[in-house]
Amino acid sequence: MGYEVNGKTIEANDNGYLLNIEDWNEDVAAAIAAVESVTLTEKSWDLINFLRDEFINNNGNQPNDRNIVKAMSDKWGEKIEAKSLYELFPMQPSKQAAKIGGLPESRRKGGY
């Protein structure tokens, strides 16, 4: 599987996760989001950038939904629930946002 972005094929595994994190940019994210039927908003980007920062700068950390809820509540200055994240990424925020963010597929099970 792969994504066509700006005339270039970006390689992905059978589940749509990029094979090389270095291939990611915002155009690639938009292409993956289109395939996933996700509209990227400012809050979507906050979550994607949080996951990328955690993975890249925190030893490959892939936060679960509970930790994402806490981080986004802090970032957005309001108490949110997991439901708010599922409105952004309906197919499980921690995994779908990571896919759109160009991160490796998580082997973690469940949202919490």
N, C-alpha and C. Protein backbone atom coordinates (compact mmCIF):
# COMPACT_ATOMS: atom_id res chain seq x y z
N MET A 1 0.84 -1.18 0.00
CA MET A 1 0.00 0.00 0.00
C MET A 1 0.89 1.24 0.00
N GLY A 2 0.35 2.31 -0.52
CA GLY A 2 1.08 3.56 -0.52
C GLY A 2 0.13 4.72 -0.75
N TYR A 3 0.65 5.91 -0.58
CA TYR A 3 -0.13 7.14 -0.80
C TYR A 3 0.57 7.94 -1.88
N GLU A 4 -0.20 8.49 -2.81
CA GLU A 4 0.34 9.37 -3.84
C GLU A 4 0.25 10.80 -3.34
N VAL A 5 1.40 11.45 -3.17
CA VAL A 5 1.44 12.81 -2.65
C VAL A 5 2.41 13.62 -3.50
N ASN A 6 1.89 14.64 -4.15
CA ASN A 6 2.72 15.53 -4.96
C ASN A 6 3.57 14.77 -5.97
N GLY A 7 2.98 13.77 -6.62
CA GLY A 7 3.67 13.00 -7.64
C GLY A 7 4.64 11.95 -7.12
N LYS A 8 4.64 11.73 -5.82
CA LYS A 8 5.56 10.76 -5.22
C LYS A 8 4.74 9.71 -4.46
N THR A 9 5.19 8.47 -4.53
CA THR A 9 4.53 7.41 -3.78
C THR A 9 5.19 7.27 -2.42
N ILE A 10 4.38 7.38 -1.38
CA ILE A 10 4.85 7.22 0.00
C ILE A 10 4.45 5.83 0.44
N GLU A 11 5.42 5.00 0.77
CA GLU A 11 5.16 3.60 1.11
C GLU A 11 4.53 3.46 2.50
N ALA A 12 3.57 2.53 2.58
CA ALA A 12 2.89 2.25 3.84
C ALA A 12 2.66 0.75 3.96
N ASN A 13 2.40 0.28 5.18
CA ASN A 13 2.12 -1.13 5.36
C ASN A 13 0.68 -1.44 4.95
N ASP A 14 0.26 -2.67 5.09
CA ASP A 14 -1.08 -3.07 4.66
C ASP A 14 -2.19 -2.37 5.42
N ASN A 15 -1.89 -1.86 6.61
CA ASN A 15 -2.88 -1.14 7.41
C ASN A 15 -2.83 0.37 7.21
N GLY A 16 -1.95 0.84 6.32
CA GLY A 16 -1.90 2.26 5.99
C GLY A 16 -0.94 3.09 6.80
N TYR A 17 -0.12 2.48 7.65
CA TYR A 17 0.88 3.20 8.44
C TYR A 17 2.16 3.35 7.62
N LEU A 18 2.75 4.54 7.67
CA LEU A 18 3.97 4.78 6.90
C LEU A 18 5.09 3.83 7.31
N LEU A 19 5.87 3.40 6.32
CA LEU A 19 7.02 2.55 6.60
C LEU A 19 8.21 3.36 7.09
N ASN A 20 8.27 4.63 6.68
CA ASN A 20 9.39 5.49 7.05
C ASN A 20 8.83 6.79 7.61
N ILE A 21 9.04 7.03 8.90
CA ILE A 21 8.53 8.24 9.56
C ILE A 21 9.06 9.51 8.91
N GLU A 22 10.23 9.42 8.28
CA GLU A 22 10.85 10.58 7.62
C GLU A 22 10.09 11.02 6.36
N ASP A 23 9.23 10.17 5.83
CA ASP A 23 8.44 10.52 4.64
C ASP A 23 7.27 11.44 4.96
N TRP A 24 7.00 11.66 6.25
CA TRP A 24 5.81 12.40 6.67
C TRP A 24 5.99 13.91 6.52
N ASN A 25 4.94 14.56 6.08
CA ASN A 25 4.80 16.02 6.15
C ASN A 25 3.30 16.32 6.14
N GLU A 26 2.93 17.57 6.19
CA GLU A 26 1.50 17.91 6.28
C GLU A 26 0.72 17.49 5.04
N ASP A 27 1.36 17.48 3.87
CA ASP A 27 0.67 17.01 2.66
C ASP A 27 0.39 15.51 2.76
N VAL A 28 1.33 14.77 3.29
CA VAL A 28 1.13 13.33 3.49
C VAL A 28 0.00 13.11 4.50
N ALA A 29 0.00 13.90 5.57
CA ALA A 29 -1.07 13.80 6.58
C ALA A 29 -2.43 14.04 5.93
N ALA A 30 -2.51 15.04 5.07
CA ALA A 30 -3.78 15.35 4.40
C ALA A 30 -4.22 14.19 3.51
N ALA A 31 -3.27 13.55 2.84
CA ALA A 31 -3.61 12.41 1.98
C ALA A 31 -4.11 11.22 2.81
N ILE A 32 -3.46 10.94 3.92
CA ILE A 32 -3.89 9.84 4.79
C ILE A 32 -5.26 10.17 5.38
N ALA A 33 -5.44 11.41 5.83
CA ALA A 33 -6.72 11.83 6.40
C ALA A 33 -7.86 11.68 5.39
N ALA A 34 -7.59 11.98 4.13
CA ALA A 34 -8.61 11.83 3.09
C ALA A 34 -9.03 10.37 2.95
N VAL A 35 -8.06 9.48 2.96
CA VAL A 35 -8.35 8.05 2.88
C VAL A 35 -9.14 7.60 4.11
N GLU A 36 -8.81 8.17 5.26
CA GLU A 36 -9.48 7.82 6.52
C GLU A 36 -10.81 8.54 6.71
N SER A 37 -11.17 9.43 5.79
CA SER A 37 -12.39 10.25 5.88
C SER A 37 -12.40 11.11 7.14
N VAL A 38 -11.25 11.71 7.44
CA VAL A 38 -11.10 12.58 8.59
C VAL A 38 -10.83 14.00 8.10
N THR A 39 -11.57 14.96 8.65
CA THR A 39 -11.33 16.36 8.36
C THR A 39 -10.36 16.90 9.41
N LEU A 40 -9.26 17.46 8.96
CA LEU A 40 -8.24 17.96 9.88
C LEU A 40 -8.57 19.39 10.31
N THR A 41 -8.74 19.56 11.62
CA THR A 41 -9.03 20.86 12.21
C THR A 41 -7.83 21.28 13.06
N GLU A 42 -7.91 22.45 13.64
CA GLU A 42 -6.83 22.90 14.52
C GLU A 42 -6.65 21.94 15.69
N LYS A 43 -7.75 21.45 16.24
CA LYS A 43 -7.66 20.50 17.36
C LYS A 43 -7.09 19.15 16.90
N SER A 44 -7.43 18.75 15.68
CA SER A 44 -6.85 17.52 15.12
C SER A 44 -5.33 17.65 15.05
N TRP A 45 -4.87 18.79 14.57
CA TRP A 45 -3.43 19.02 14.45
C TRP A 45 -2.77 19.05 15.82
N ASP A 46 -3.46 19.63 16.83
CA ASP A 46 -2.90 19.61 18.19
C ASP A 46 -2.64 18.18 18.63
N LEU A 47 -3.60 17.31 18.39
CA LEU A 47 -3.46 15.91 18.81
C LEU A 47 -2.37 15.20 18.01
N ILE A 48 -2.35 15.40 16.71
CA ILE A 48 -1.32 14.79 15.86
C ILE A 48 0.07 15.25 16.30
N ASN A 49 0.22 16.55 16.49
CA ASN A 49 1.53 17.08 16.90
C ASN A 49 1.94 16.59 18.28
N PHE A 50 0.98 16.45 19.20
CA PHE A 50 1.27 15.88 20.52
C PHE A 50 1.81 14.46 20.38
N LEU A 51 1.13 13.63 19.58
CA LEU A 51 1.57 12.24 19.40
C LEU A 51 2.94 12.17 18.75
N ARG A 52 3.17 13.01 17.75
CA ARG A 52 4.48 13.01 17.09
C ARG A 52 5.59 13.43 18.07
N ASP A 53 5.31 14.47 18.86
CA ASP A 53 6.29 14.93 19.84
C ASP A 53 6.60 13.83 20.86
N GLU A 54 5.56 13.17 21.36
CA GLU A 54 5.76 12.09 22.33
C GLU A 54 6.60 10.96 21.73
N PHE A 55 6.31 10.59 20.49
CA PHE A 55 7.03 9.48 19.87
C PHE A 55 8.48 9.87 19.56
N ILE A 56 8.65 11.02 18.95
CA ILE A 56 9.98 11.43 18.49
C ILE A 56 10.88 11.87 19.65
N ASN A 57 10.31 12.59 20.62
CA ASN A 57 11.14 13.18 21.68
C ASN A 57 11.02 12.48 23.03
N ASN A 58 10.27 11.39 23.10
CA ASN A 58 10.09 10.70 24.37
C ASN A 58 10.26 9.19 24.18
N ASN A 59 11.33 8.82 23.50
CA ASN A 59 11.74 7.41 23.40
C ASN A 59 10.66 6.50 22.82
N GLY A 60 9.98 6.97 21.78
CA GLY A 60 9.00 6.12 21.11
C GLY A 60 7.69 5.95 21.87
N ASN A 61 7.40 6.84 22.81
CA ASN A 61 6.17 6.75 23.60
C ASN A 61 4.94 6.91 22.71
N GLN A 62 3.97 6.02 22.88
CA GLN A 62 2.70 6.09 22.18
C GLN A 62 1.59 6.16 23.22
N PRO A 63 1.17 7.38 23.61
CA PRO A 63 0.19 7.53 24.67
C PRO A 63 -1.15 6.86 24.35
N ASN A 64 -1.81 6.37 25.41
CA ASN A 64 -3.14 5.80 25.21
C ASN A 64 -4.18 6.92 25.28
N ASP A 65 -5.44 6.58 25.06
CA ASP A 65 -6.50 7.59 25.01
C ASP A 65 -6.61 8.38 26.32
N ARG A 66 -6.46 7.71 27.44
CA ARG A 66 -6.56 8.40 28.73
C ARG A 66 -5.51 9.50 28.85
N ASN A 67 -4.27 9.19 28.47
CA ASN A 67 -3.21 10.19 28.53
C ASN A 67 -3.42 11.31 27.51
N ILE A 68 -4.00 10.97 26.38
CA ILE A 68 -4.29 11.99 25.37
C ILE A 68 -5.37 12.93 25.88
N VAL A 69 -6.41 12.38 26.52
CA VAL A 69 -7.47 13.23 27.07
C VAL A 69 -6.87 14.24 28.05
N LYS A 70 -6.01 13.77 28.93
CA LYS A 70 -5.38 14.66 29.91
C LYS A 70 -4.54 15.74 29.21
N ALA A 71 -3.73 15.35 28.25
CA ALA A 71 -2.86 16.30 27.56
C ALA A 71 -3.66 17.33 26.77
N MET A 72 -4.72 16.88 26.09
CA MET A 72 -5.52 17.81 25.29
C MET A 72 -6.37 18.71 26.19
N SER A 73 -6.81 18.20 27.33
CA SER A 73 -7.52 19.05 28.29
C SER A 73 -6.61 20.19 28.74
N ASP A 74 -5.36 19.86 29.02
CA ASP A 74 -4.39 20.89 29.41
C ASP A 74 -4.13 21.86 28.27
N LYS A 75 -3.94 21.34 27.08
CA LYS A 75 -3.63 22.17 25.91
C LYS A 75 -4.78 23.11 25.57
N TRP A 76 -6.00 22.59 25.61
CA TRP A 76 -7.16 23.37 25.21
C TRP A 76 -7.77 24.17 26.35
N GLY A 77 -7.26 23.98 27.58
CA GLY A 77 -7.74 24.75 28.71
C GLY A 77 -9.16 24.45 29.14
N GLU A 78 -9.60 23.22 28.87
CA GLU A 78 -10.95 22.81 29.25
C GLU A 78 -10.94 21.31 29.52
N LYS A 79 -11.82 20.89 30.40
CA LYS A 79 -11.91 19.46 30.68
C LYS A 79 -12.67 18.80 29.54
N ILE A 80 -12.05 17.80 28.92
CA ILE A 80 -12.71 17.09 27.83
C ILE A 80 -12.86 15.62 28.21
N GLU A 81 -13.66 14.94 27.44
CA GLU A 81 -13.84 13.51 27.60
C GLU A 81 -13.35 12.82 26.34
N ALA A 82 -13.16 11.52 26.43
CA ALA A 82 -12.70 10.74 25.28
C ALA A 82 -13.62 10.95 24.07
N LYS A 83 -14.90 11.15 24.33
CA LYS A 83 -15.87 11.37 23.25
C LYS A 83 -15.44 12.52 22.33
N SER A 84 -14.85 13.55 22.91
CA SER A 84 -14.38 14.70 22.11
C SER A 84 -13.29 14.28 21.13
N LEU A 85 -12.44 13.36 21.56
CA LEU A 85 -11.37 12.88 20.68
C LEU A 85 -11.93 12.00 19.58
N TYR A 86 -12.94 11.20 19.91
CA TYR A 86 -13.56 10.33 18.91
C TYR A 86 -14.32 11.14 17.86
N GLU A 87 -14.74 12.35 18.20
CA GLU A 87 -15.35 13.22 17.20
C GLU A 87 -14.32 13.65 16.16
N LEU A 88 -13.07 13.78 16.60
CA LEU A 88 -11.99 14.14 15.68
C LEU A 88 -11.47 12.94 14.90
N PHE A 89 -11.32 11.81 15.61
CA PHE A 89 -10.75 10.59 15.04
C PHE A 89 -11.64 9.41 15.43
N PRO A 90 -12.69 9.14 14.65
CA PRO A 90 -13.70 8.15 15.04
C PRO A 90 -13.21 6.71 15.16
N MET A 91 -12.11 6.37 14.54
CA MET A 91 -11.64 4.98 14.55
C MET A 91 -10.57 4.74 15.62
N GLN A 92 -10.67 5.37 16.74
CA GLN A 92 -9.80 5.32 17.91
C GLN A 92 -8.69 6.36 17.79
N PRO A 93 -8.82 7.42 18.56
CA PRO A 93 -7.91 8.56 18.44
C PRO A 93 -6.43 8.22 18.53
N SER A 94 -6.04 7.39 19.49
CA SER A 94 -4.61 7.13 19.65
C SER A 94 -4.01 6.45 18.43
N LYS A 95 -4.79 5.65 17.75
CA LYS A 95 -4.27 4.92 16.59
C LYS A 95 -4.49 5.69 15.29
N GLN A 96 -5.69 6.22 15.08
CA GLN A 96 -5.97 6.91 13.82
C GLN A 96 -5.16 8.21 13.70
N ALA A 97 -5.04 8.96 14.79
CA ALA A 97 -4.24 10.19 14.74
C ALA A 97 -2.76 9.86 14.53
N ALA A 98 -2.30 8.77 15.12
CA ALA A 98 -0.91 8.35 14.92
C ALA A 98 -0.67 7.97 13.46
N LYS A 99 -1.64 7.29 12.86
CA LYS A 99 -1.50 6.91 11.45
C LYS A 99 -1.40 8.17 10.59
N ILE A 100 -2.29 9.11 10.81
CA ILE A 100 -2.28 10.36 10.04
C ILE A 100 -1.00 11.14 10.33
N GLY A 101 -0.47 11.01 11.54
CA GLY A 101 0.77 11.67 11.92
C GLY A 101 2.03 10.97 11.44
N GLY A 102 1.88 9.89 10.69
CA GLY A 102 3.04 9.21 10.12
C GLY A 102 3.81 8.34 11.09
N LEU A 103 3.19 8.01 12.22
CA LEU A 103 3.89 7.20 13.24
C LEU A 103 3.68 5.71 13.00
N PRO A 104 4.54 4.88 13.57
CA PRO A 104 4.39 3.43 13.39
C PRO A 104 3.10 2.92 14.03
N GLU A 105 2.66 1.80 13.55
CA GLU A 105 1.46 1.16 14.08
C GLU A 105 1.69 0.72 15.52
N SER A 106 0.75 1.06 16.39
CA SER A 106 0.83 0.69 17.79
C SER A 106 0.43 -0.77 17.96
N ARG A 107 1.14 -1.47 18.80
CA ARG A 107 0.79 -2.86 19.11
C ARG A 107 -0.02 -2.96 20.40
N ARG A 108 -0.27 -1.79 21.01
CA ARG A 108 -1.03 -1.72 22.25
C ARG A 108 -2.49 -2.05 21.96
N LYS A 109 -3.14 -2.74 22.88
CA LYS A 109 -4.54 -3.08 22.70
C LYS A 109 -5.40 -2.15 23.53
N GLY A 110 -6.59 -1.84 23.02
CA GLY A 110 -7.55 -1.04 23.78
C GLY A 110 -7.19 0.43 23.84
N GLY A 111 -8.13 1.22 24.33
CA GLY A 111 -7.96 2.66 24.41
C GLY A 111 -7.45 3.12 25.76
N TYR A 112 -7.64 2.31 26.80
CA TYR A 112 -7.20 2.69 28.13
C TYR A 112 -6.28 1.64 28.64
